[in-house]
Amino acid sequence: MLNSGGQNRANKGVTIPSEIIEQTKSHLGSIVEPDQEEVAQITYEWKFTLVGRLLGRKIPFFIFATEAKKRWGYKLGFRIVRWSKDAF
């Protein structure tokens, strides 16, 4: 939320030029809202999903997945899916 000076915590107090604020406000009416039923379905599907990324030392995915299953898999019955090179 912008204050009257065009400042926001998210932009660390940097003043946003008024032309940009006005241009943004003029496009607010063209934003498409998602269907609430679709949002509810997606929310249900992802309710118990955790997306993570390993930082620091690179660990092969199969080693990470094996260790995670040893620690939590037998209790929680989950699966780990490789999403990209560094994310799961």
PDB file of N, CA and C in Angstrom:
ATOM      1  N   MET A   1       0.847  -1.178   0.000  1.00  0.00           N
ATOM      2  CA  MET A   1       0.000   0.000   0.000  1.00  0.00           C
ATOM      3  C   MET A   1       0.887   1.234   0.000  1.00  0.00           C
ATOM      4  N   LEU A   2       0.619   2.144  -0.885  1.00  0.00           N
ATOM      5  CA  LEU A   2       1.406   3.362  -0.977  1.00  0.00           C
ATOM      6  C   LEU A   2       0.874   4.405  -0.019  1.00  0.00           C
ATOM      7  N   ASN A   3       1.786   5.178   0.571  1.00  0.00           N
ATOM      8  CA  ASN A   3       1.318   6.314   1.352  1.00  0.00           C
ATOM      9  C   ASN A   3       1.232   7.523   0.418  1.00  0.00           C
ATOM     10  N   SER A   4       0.863   8.670   0.940  1.00  0.00           N
ATOM     11  CA  SER A   4       0.640   9.826   0.080  1.00  0.00           C
ATOM     12  C   SER A   4       1.906  10.276  -0.638  1.00  0.00           C
ATOM     13  N   GLY A   5       3.072   9.923  -0.113  1.00  0.00           N
ATOM     14  CA  GLY A   5       4.321  10.309  -0.762  1.00  0.00           C
ATOM     15  C   GLY A   5       4.798   9.288  -1.770  1.00  0.00           C
ATOM     16  N   GLY A   6       4.005   8.224  -2.016  1.00  0.00           N
ATOM     17  CA  GLY A   6       4.410   7.203  -2.960  1.00  0.00           C
ATOM     18  C   GLY A   6       5.448   6.261  -2.394  1.00  0.00           C
ATOM     19  N   GLN A   7       5.499   6.164  -1.058  1.00  0.00           N
ATOM     20  CA  GLN A   7       6.477   5.282  -0.433  1.00  0.00           C
ATOM     21  C   GLN A   7       5.804   4.036   0.115  1.00  0.00           C
ATOM     22  N   ASN A   8       6.567   2.978   0.211  1.00  0.00           N
ATOM     23  CA  ASN A   8       6.039   1.684   0.600  1.00  0.00           C
ATOM     24  C   ASN A   8       7.146   0.911   1.292  1.00  0.00           C
ATOM     25  N   ARG A   9       6.790   0.077   2.243  1.00  0.00           N
ATOM     26  CA  ARG A   9       7.795  -0.757   2.895  1.00  0.00           C
ATOM     27  C   ARG A   9       8.437  -1.708   1.899  1.00  0.00           C
ATOM     28  N   ALA A  10       7.661  -2.225   0.959  1.00  0.00           N
ATOM     29  CA  ALA A  10       8.172  -3.200  -0.007  1.00  0.00           C
ATOM     30  C   ALA A  10       9.252  -2.605  -0.904  1.00  0.00           C
ATOM     31  N   ASN A  11       9.174  -1.314  -1.168  1.00  0.00           N
ATOM     32  CA  ASN A  11      10.209  -0.699  -2.006  1.00  0.00           C
ATOM     33  C   ASN A  11      11.231   0.041  -1.157  1.00  0.00           C
ATOM     34  N   LYS A  12      11.277  -0.277   0.141  1.00  0.00           N
ATOM     35  CA  LYS A  12      12.265   0.247   1.088  1.00  0.00           C
ATOM     36  C   LYS A  12      12.281   1.773   1.142  1.00  0.00           C
ATOM     37  N   GLY A  13      11.114   2.391   1.043  1.00  0.00           N
ATOM     38  CA  GLY A  13      11.009   3.831   1.201  1.00  0.00           C
ATOM     39  C   GLY A  13      11.402   4.655  -0.016  1.00  0.00           C
ATOM     40  N   VAL A  14      11.681   4.005  -1.134  1.00  0.00           N
ATOM     41  CA  VAL A  14      12.040   4.747  -2.348  1.00  0.00           C
ATOM     42  C   VAL A  14      10.778   5.377  -2.916  1.00  0.00           C
ATOM     43  N   THR A  15      10.854   6.645  -3.251  1.00  0.00           N
ATOM     44  CA  THR A  15       9.696   7.339  -3.799  1.00  0.00           C
ATOM     45  C   THR A  15       9.435   6.885  -5.229  1.00  0.00           C
ATOM     46  N   ILE A  16       8.184   6.526  -5.492  1.00  0.00           N
ATOM     47  CA  ILE A  16       7.783   6.104  -6.835  1.00  0.00           C
ATOM     48  C   ILE A  16       7.255   7.339  -7.555  1.00  0.00           C
ATOM     49  N   PRO A  17       7.753   7.606  -8.761  1.00  0.00           N
ATOM     50  CA  PRO A  17       7.273   8.784  -9.494  1.00  0.00           C
ATOM     51  C   PRO A  17       5.754   8.749  -9.677  1.00  0.00           C
ATOM     52  N   SER A  18       5.122   9.909  -9.557  1.00  0.00           N
ATOM     53  CA  SER A  18       3.665   9.993  -9.627  1.00  0.00           C
ATOM     54  C   SER A  18       3.129   9.523 -10.984  1.00  0.00           C
ATOM     55  N   GLU A  19       3.903   9.678 -12.076  1.00  0.00           N
ATOM     56  CA  GLU A  19       3.435   9.213 -13.380  1.00  0.00           C
ATOM     57  C   GLU A  19       3.240   7.692 -13.366  1.00  0.00           C
ATOM     58  N   ILE A  20       4.147   6.990 -12.717  1.00  0.00           N
ATOM     59  CA  ILE A  20       4.046   5.534 -12.645  1.00  0.00           C
ATOM     60  C   ILE A  20       2.849   5.132 -11.796  1.00  0.00           C
ATOM     61  N   ILE A  21       2.625   5.835 -10.707  1.00  0.00           N
ATOM     62  CA  ILE A  21       1.478   5.537  -9.845  1.00  0.00           C
ATOM     63  C   ILE A  21       0.182   5.757 -10.605  1.00  0.00           C
ATOM     64  N   GLU A  22       0.071   6.861 -11.324  1.00  0.00           N
ATOM     65  CA  GLU A  22      -1.142   7.157 -12.086  1.00  0.00           C
ATOM     66  C   GLU A  22      -1.350   6.155 -13.209  1.00  0.00           C
ATOM     67  N   GLN A  23      -0.278   5.761 -13.889  1.00  0.00           N
ATOM     68  CA  GLN A  23      -0.382   4.778 -14.959  1.00  0.00           C
ATOM     69  C   GLN A  23      -0.863   3.442 -14.398  1.00  0.00           C
ATOM     70  N   THR A  24      -0.341   3.069 -13.248  1.00  0.00           N
ATOM     71  CA  THR A  24      -0.752   1.816 -12.608  1.00  0.00           C
ATOM     72  C   THR A  24      -2.225   1.877 -12.210  1.00  0.00           C
ATOM     73  N   LYS A  25      -2.642   2.977 -11.628  1.00  0.00           N
ATOM     74  CA  LYS A  25      -4.041   3.132 -11.224  1.00  0.00           C
ATOM     75  C   LYS A  25      -4.975   3.059 -12.428  1.00  0.00           C
ATOM     76  N   SER A  26      -4.541   3.575 -13.580  1.00  0.00           N
ATOM     77  CA  SER A  26      -5.410   3.564 -14.761  1.00  0.00           C
ATOM     78  C   SER A  26      -5.633   2.150 -15.303  1.00  0.00           C
ATOM     79  N   HIS A  27      -4.747   1.208 -14.973  1.00  0.00           N
ATOM     80  CA  HIS A  27      -4.872  -0.171 -15.458  1.00  0.00           C
ATOM     81  C   HIS A  27      -5.572  -1.092 -14.466  1.00  0.00           C
ATOM     82  N   LEU A  28      -5.930  -0.590 -13.296  1.00  0.00           N
ATOM     83  CA  LEU A  28      -6.546  -1.446 -12.287  1.00  0.00           C
ATOM     84  C   LEU A  28      -7.854  -2.066 -12.753  1.00  0.00           C
ATOM     85  N   GLY A  29      -8.617  -1.366 -13.574  1.00  0.00           N
ATOM     86  CA  GLY A  29      -9.891  -1.881 -14.049  1.00  0.00           C
ATOM     87  C   GLY A  29      -9.760  -3.033 -15.034  1.00  0.00           C
ATOM     88  N   SER A  30      -8.575  -3.218 -15.613  1.00  0.00           N
ATOM     89  CA  SER A  30      -8.397  -4.273 -16.606  1.00  0.00           C
ATOM     90  C   SER A  30      -7.812  -5.555 -16.014  1.00  0.00           C
ATOM     91  N   ILE A  31      -7.698  -5.619 -14.713  1.00  0.00           N
ATOM     92  CA  ILE A  31      -7.188  -6.822 -14.061  1.00  0.00           C
ATOM     93  C   ILE A  31      -8.270  -7.894 -14.053  1.00  0.00           C
ATOM     94  N   VAL A  32      -7.912  -9.089 -14.467  1.00  0.00           N
ATOM     95  CA  VAL A  32      -8.851 -10.203 -14.523  1.00  0.00           C
ATOM     96  C   VAL A  32      -8.817 -10.952 -13.198  1.00  0.00           C
ATOM     97  N   GLU A  33      -9.960 -11.123 -12.599  1.00  0.00           N
ATOM     98  CA  GLU A  33     -10.079 -11.865 -11.345  1.00  0.00           C
ATOM     99  C   GLU A  33     -10.308 -13.339 -11.641  1.00  0.00           C
ATOM    100  N   PRO A  34      -9.647 -14.234 -10.919  1.00  0.00           N
ATOM    101  CA  PRO A  34      -9.867 -15.669 -11.150  1.00  0.00           C
ATOM    102  C   PRO A  34     -11.235 -16.114 -10.641  1.00  0.00           C
ATOM    103  N   ASP A  35     -11.755 -17.164 -11.226  1.00  0.00           N
ATOM    104  CA  ASP A  35     -13.003 -17.752 -10.797  1.00  0.00           C
ATOM    105  C   ASP A  35     -12.807 -18.341  -9.398  1.00  0.00           C
ATOM    106  N   GLN A  36     -13.671 -18.024  -8.465  1.00  0.00           N
ATOM    107  CA  GLN A  36     -13.500 -18.467  -7.079  1.00  0.00           C
ATOM    108  C   GLN A  36     -13.564 -19.984  -6.935  1.00  0.00           C
ATOM    109  N   GLU A  37     -14.345 -20.646  -7.777  1.00  0.00           N
ATOM    110  CA  GLU A  37     -14.413 -22.108  -7.743  1.00  0.00           C
ATOM    111  C   GLU A  37     -13.065 -22.709  -8.161  1.00  0.00           C
ATOM    112  N   GLU A  38     -12.461 -22.098  -9.165  1.00  0.00           N
ATOM    113  CA  GLU A  38     -11.150 -22.560  -9.623  1.00  0.00           C
ATOM    114  C   GLU A  38     -10.086 -22.326  -8.544  1.00  0.00           C
ATOM    115  N   VAL A  39     -10.158 -21.181  -7.891  1.00  0.00           N
ATOM    116  CA  VAL A  39      -9.221 -20.885  -6.794  1.00  0.00           C
ATOM    117  C   VAL A  39      -9.371 -21.909  -5.679  1.00  0.00           C
ATOM    118  N   ALA A  40     -10.611 -22.251  -5.341  1.00  0.00           N
ATOM    119  CA  ALA A  40     -10.856 -23.240  -4.292  1.00  0.00           C
ATOM    120  C   ALA A  40     -10.280 -24.599  -4.671  1.00  0.00           C
ATOM    121  N   GLN A  41     -10.420 -24.996  -5.943  1.00  0.00           N
ATOM    122  CA  GLN A  41      -9.896 -26.280  -6.405  1.00  0.00           C
ATOM    123  C   GLN A  41      -8.375 -26.305  -6.338  1.00  0.00           C
ATOM    124  N   ILE A  42      -7.739 -25.254  -6.822  1.00  0.00           N
ATOM    125  CA  ILE A  42      -6.278 -25.183  -6.798  1.00  0.00           C
ATOM    126  C   ILE A  42      -5.775 -25.150  -5.362  1.00  0.00           C
ATOM    127  N   THR A  43      -6.443 -24.399  -4.508  1.00  0.00           N
ATOM    128  CA  THR A  43      -6.054 -24.330  -3.104  1.00  0.00           C
ATOM    129  C   THR A  43      -6.142 -25.709  -2.467  1.00  0.00           C
ATOM    130  N   TYR A  44      -7.193 -26.458  -2.753  1.00  0.00           N
ATOM    131  CA  TYR A  44      -7.360 -27.800  -2.208  1.00  0.00           C
ATOM    132  C   TYR A  44      -6.227 -28.720  -2.677  1.00  0.00           C
ATOM    133  N   GLU A  45      -5.903 -28.650  -3.966  1.00  0.00           N
ATOM    134  CA  GLU A  45      -4.867 -29.511  -4.533  1.00  0.00           C
ATOM    135  C   GLU A  45      -3.488 -29.224  -3.949  1.00  0.00           C
ATOM    136  N   TRP A  46      -3.208 -27.966  -3.631  1.00  0.00           N
ATOM    137  CA  TRP A  46      -1.889 -27.574  -3.140  1.00  0.00           C
ATOM    138  C   TRP A  46      -1.847 -27.381  -1.631  1.00  0.00           C
ATOM    139  N   LYS A  47      -2.915 -27.732  -0.931  1.00  0.00           N
ATOM    140  CA  LYS A  47      -3.025 -27.449   0.503  1.00  0.00           C
ATOM    141  C   LYS A  47      -1.865 -28.003   1.316  1.00  0.00           C
ATOM    142  N   PHE A  48      -1.432 -29.197   1.022  1.00  0.00           N
ATOM    143  CA  PHE A  48      -0.376 -29.824   1.800  1.00  0.00           C
ATOM    144  C   PHE A  48       0.933 -29.920   1.014  1.00  0.00           C
ATOM    145  N   THR A  49       1.157 -28.966   0.121  1.00  0.00           N
ATOM    146  CA  THR A  49       2.346 -28.975  -0.718  1.00  0.00           C
ATOM    147  C   THR A  49       3.408 -28.072  -0.113  1.00  0.00           C
ATOM    148  N   LEU A  50       4.618 -28.556  -0.140  1.00  0.00           N
ATOM    149  CA  LEU A  50       5.764 -27.776   0.298  1.00  0.00           C
ATOM    150  C   LEU A  50       6.743 -27.716  -0.865  1.00  0.00           C
ATOM    151  N   VAL A  51       7.141 -26.512  -1.230  1.00  0.00           N
ATOM    152  CA  VAL A  51       8.121 -26.330  -2.290  1.00  0.00           C
ATOM    153  C   VAL A  51       9.394 -25.854  -1.622  1.00  0.00           C
ATOM    154  N   GLY A  52      10.509 -26.483  -1.967  1.00  0.00           N
ATOM    155  CA  GLY A  52      11.756 -26.121  -1.309  1.00  0.00           C
ATOM    156  C   GLY A  52      12.908 -26.032  -2.276  1.00  0.00           C
ATOM    157  N   ARG A  53      13.978 -25.485  -1.754  1.00  0.00           N
ATOM    158  CA  ARG A  53      15.206 -25.360  -2.529  1.00  0.00           C
ATOM    159  C   ARG A  53      16.366 -25.542  -1.570  1.00  0.00           C
ATOM    160  N   LEU A  54      17.307 -26.358  -1.966  1.00  0.00           N
ATOM    161  CA  LEU A  54      18.487 -26.579  -1.145  1.00  0.00           C
ATOM    162  C   LEU A  54      19.509 -25.494  -1.446  1.00  0.00           C
ATOM    163  N   LEU A  55      19.988 -24.876  -0.394  1.00  0.00           N
ATOM    164  CA  LEU A  55      20.990 -23.828  -0.553  1.00  0.00           C
ATOM    165  C   LEU A  55      22.324 -24.341  -0.028  1.00  0.00           C
ATOM    166  N   GLY A  56      23.383 -23.813  -0.541  1.00  0.00           N
ATOM    167  CA  GLY A  56      24.699 -24.227  -0.075  1.00  0.00           C
ATOM    168  C   GLY A  56      25.223 -25.379  -0.900  1.00  0.00           C
ATOM    169  N   ARG A  57      25.727 -26.389  -0.217  1.00  0.00           N
ATOM    170  CA  ARG A  57      26.331 -27.528  -0.899  1.00  0.00           C
ATOM    171  C   ARG A  57      25.313 -28.281  -1.740  1.00  0.00           C
ATOM    172  N   LYS A  58      25.686 -28.626  -2.940  1.00  0.00           N
ATOM    173  CA  LYS A  58      24.793 -29.362  -3.841  1.00  0.00           C
ATOM    174  C   LYS A  58      24.706 -30.811  -3.382  1.00  0.00           C
ATOM    175  N   ILE A  59      23.494 -31.286  -3.222  1.00  0.00           N
ATOM    176  CA  ILE A  59      23.252 -32.674  -2.838  1.00  0.00           C
ATOM    177  C   ILE A  59      22.457 -33.313  -3.974  1.00  0.00           C
ATOM    178  N   PRO A  60      22.884 -34.469  -4.467  1.00  0.00           N
ATOM    179  CA  PRO A  60      22.098 -35.125  -5.510  1.00  0.00           C
ATOM    180  C   PRO A  60      20.668 -35.376  -5.030  1.00  0.00           C
ATOM    181  N   PHE A  61      19.724 -35.166  -5.937  1.00  0.00           N
ATOM    182  CA  PHE A  61      18.312 -35.261  -5.581  1.00  0.00           C
ATOM    183  C   PHE A  61      17.966 -36.609  -4.962  1.00  0.00           C
ATOM    184  N   PHE A  62      18.464 -37.703  -5.538  1.00  0.00           N
ATOM    185  CA  PHE A  62      18.091 -39.023  -5.018  1.00  0.00           C
ATOM    186  C   PHE A  62      18.576 -39.220  -3.586  1.00  0.00           C
ATOM    187  N   ILE A  63      19.711 -38.622  -3.226  1.00  0.00           N
ATOM    188  CA  ILE A  63      20.198 -38.727  -1.840  1.00  0.00           C
ATOM    189  C   ILE A  63      19.282 -37.941  -0.906  1.00  0.00           C
ATOM    190  N   PHE A  64      18.918 -36.727  -1.325  1.00  0.00           N
ATOM    191  CA  PHE A  64      18.002 -35.924  -0.513  1.00  0.00           C
ATOM    192  C   PHE A  64      16.665 -36.633  -0.333  1.00  0.00           C
ATOM    193  N   ALA A  65      16.123 -37.144  -1.430  1.00  0.00           N
ATOM    194  CA  ALA A  65      14.812 -37.807  -1.375  1.00  0.00           C
ATOM    195  C   ALA A  65      14.862 -39.046  -0.482  1.00  0.00           C
ATOM    196  N   THR A  66      15.935 -39.825  -0.580  1.00  0.00           N
ATOM    197  CA  THR A  66      16.070 -41.026   0.241  1.00  0.00           C
ATOM    198  C   THR A  66      16.130 -40.663   1.721  1.00  0.00           C
ATOM    199  N   GLU A  67      16.917 -39.662   2.059  1.00  0.00           N
ATOM    200  CA  GLU A  67      17.045 -39.243   3.462  1.00  0.00           C
ATOM    201  C   GLU A  67      15.723 -38.689   3.993  1.00  0.00           C
ATOM    202  N   ALA A  68      15.031 -37.893   3.205  1.00  0.00           N
ATOM    203  CA  ALA A  68      13.750 -37.330   3.638  1.00  0.00           C
ATOM    204  C   ALA A  68      12.726 -38.442   3.863  1.00  0.00           C
ATOM    205  N   LYS A  69      12.691 -39.412   2.973  1.00  0.00           N
ATOM    206  CA  LYS A  69      11.749 -40.532   3.151  1.00  0.00           C
ATOM    207  C   LYS A  69      12.086 -41.336   4.395  1.00  0.00           C
ATOM    208  N   LYS A  70      13.374 -41.524   4.670  1.00  0.00           N
ATOM    209  CA  LYS A  70      13.767 -42.249   5.885  1.00  0.00           C
ATOM    210  C   LYS A  70      13.282 -41.512   7.122  1.00  0.00           C
ATOM    211  N   ARG A  71      13.398 -40.191   7.106  1.00  0.00           N
ATOM    212  CA  ARG A  71      13.026 -39.400   8.291  1.00  0.00           C
ATOM    213  C   ARG A  71      11.520 -39.210   8.444  1.00  0.00           C
ATOM    214  N   TRP A  72      10.817 -38.932   7.334  1.00  0.00           N
ATOM    215  CA  TRP A  72       9.409 -38.561   7.445  1.00  0.00           C
ATOM    216  C   TRP A  72       8.454 -39.432   6.646  1.00  0.00           C
ATOM    217  N   GLY A  73       8.930 -40.126   5.657  1.00  0.00           N
ATOM    218  CA  GLY A  73       8.050 -40.844   4.733  1.00  0.00           C
ATOM    219  C   GLY A  73       7.200 -41.912   5.374  1.00  0.00           C
ATOM    220  N   TYR A  74       7.759 -42.669   6.279  1.00  0.00           N
ATOM    221  CA  TYR A  74       6.982 -43.745   6.871  1.00  0.00           C
ATOM    222  C   TYR A  74       5.885 -43.220   7.777  1.00  0.00           C
ATOM    223  N   LYS A  75       6.022 -42.028   8.298  1.00  0.00           N
ATOM    224  CA  LYS A  75       4.989 -41.434   9.157  1.00  0.00           C
ATOM    225  C   LYS A  75       3.937 -40.680   8.359  1.00  0.00           C
ATOM    226  N   LEU A  76       4.396 -39.929   7.365  1.00  0.00           N
ATOM    227  CA  LEU A  76       3.499 -39.002   6.679  1.00  0.00           C
ATOM    228  C   LEU A  76       3.028 -39.470   5.311  1.00  0.00           C
ATOM    229  N   GLY A  77       3.680 -40.439   4.733  1.00  0.00           N
ATOM    230  CA  GLY A  77       3.266 -40.941   3.424  1.00  0.00           C
ATOM    231  C   GLY A  77       3.288 -39.884   2.349  1.00  0.00           C
ATOM    232  N   PHE A  78       4.430 -39.299   2.081  1.00  0.00           N
ATOM    233  CA  PHE A  78       4.526 -38.253   1.074  1.00  0.00           C
ATOM    234  C   PHE A  78       5.467 -38.678  -0.044  1.00  0.00           C
ATOM    235  N   ARG A  79       5.503 -37.868  -1.087  1.00  0.00           N
ATOM    236  CA  ARG A  79       6.440 -38.118  -2.180  1.00  0.00           C
ATOM    237  C   ARG A  79       7.141 -36.808  -2.510  1.00  0.00           C
ATOM    238  N   ILE A  80       8.339 -36.927  -3.029  1.00  0.00           N
ATOM    239  CA  ILE A  80       9.129 -35.763  -3.403  1.00  0.00           C
ATOM    240  C   ILE A  80       9.301 -35.782  -4.915  1.00  0.00           C
ATOM    241  N   VAL A  81       9.027 -34.652  -5.526  1.00  0.00           N
ATOM    242  CA  VAL A  81       9.108 -34.526  -6.983  1.00  0.00           C
ATOM    243  C   VAL A  81      10.143 -33.471  -7.324  1.00  0.00           C
ATOM    244  N   ARG A  82      11.055 -33.811  -8.211  1.00  0.00           N
ATOM    245  CA  ARG A  82      12.052 -32.831  -8.646  1.00  0.00           C
ATOM    246  C   ARG A  82      11.375 -31.847  -9.579  1.00  0.00           C
ATOM    247  N   TRP A  83      11.481 -30.576  -9.262  1.00  0.00           N
ATOM    248  CA  TRP A  83      10.804 -29.530 -10.017  1.00  0.00           C
ATOM    249  C   TRP A  83      11.748 -28.893 -11.028  1.00  0.00           C
ATOM    250  N   SER A  84      12.954 -28.608 -10.598  1.00  0.00           N
ATOM    251  CA  SER A  84      13.980 -28.068 -11.474  1.00  0.00           C
ATOM    252  C   SER A  84      15.317 -28.535 -10.933  1.00  0.00           C
ATOM    253  N   LYS A  85      16.386 -28.014 -11.491  1.00  0.00           N
ATOM    254  CA  LYS A  85      17.723 -28.462 -11.086  1.00  0.00           C
ATOM    255  C   LYS A  85      17.953 -28.302  -9.587  1.00  0.00           C
ATOM    256  N   ASP A  86      17.527 -27.190  -9.007  1.00  0.00           N
ATOM    257  CA  ASP A  86      17.792 -26.905  -7.605  1.00  0.00           C
ATOM    258  C   ASP A  86      16.538 -26.821  -6.734  1.00  0.00           C
ATOM    259  N   ALA A  87      15.415 -27.233  -7.241  1.00  0.00           N
ATOM    260  CA  ALA A  87      14.178 -27.137  -6.453  1.00  0.00           C
ATOM    261  C   ALA A  87      13.438 -28.459  -6.482  1.00  0.00           C
ATOM    262  N   PHE A  88      12.665 -28.683  -5.437  1.00  0.00           N
ATOM    263  CA  PHE A  88      11.894 -29.919  -5.321  1.00  0.00           C
ATOM    264  C   PHE A  88      10.519 -29.593  -4.787  1.00  0.00           C
TER     265      PHE A  88
END
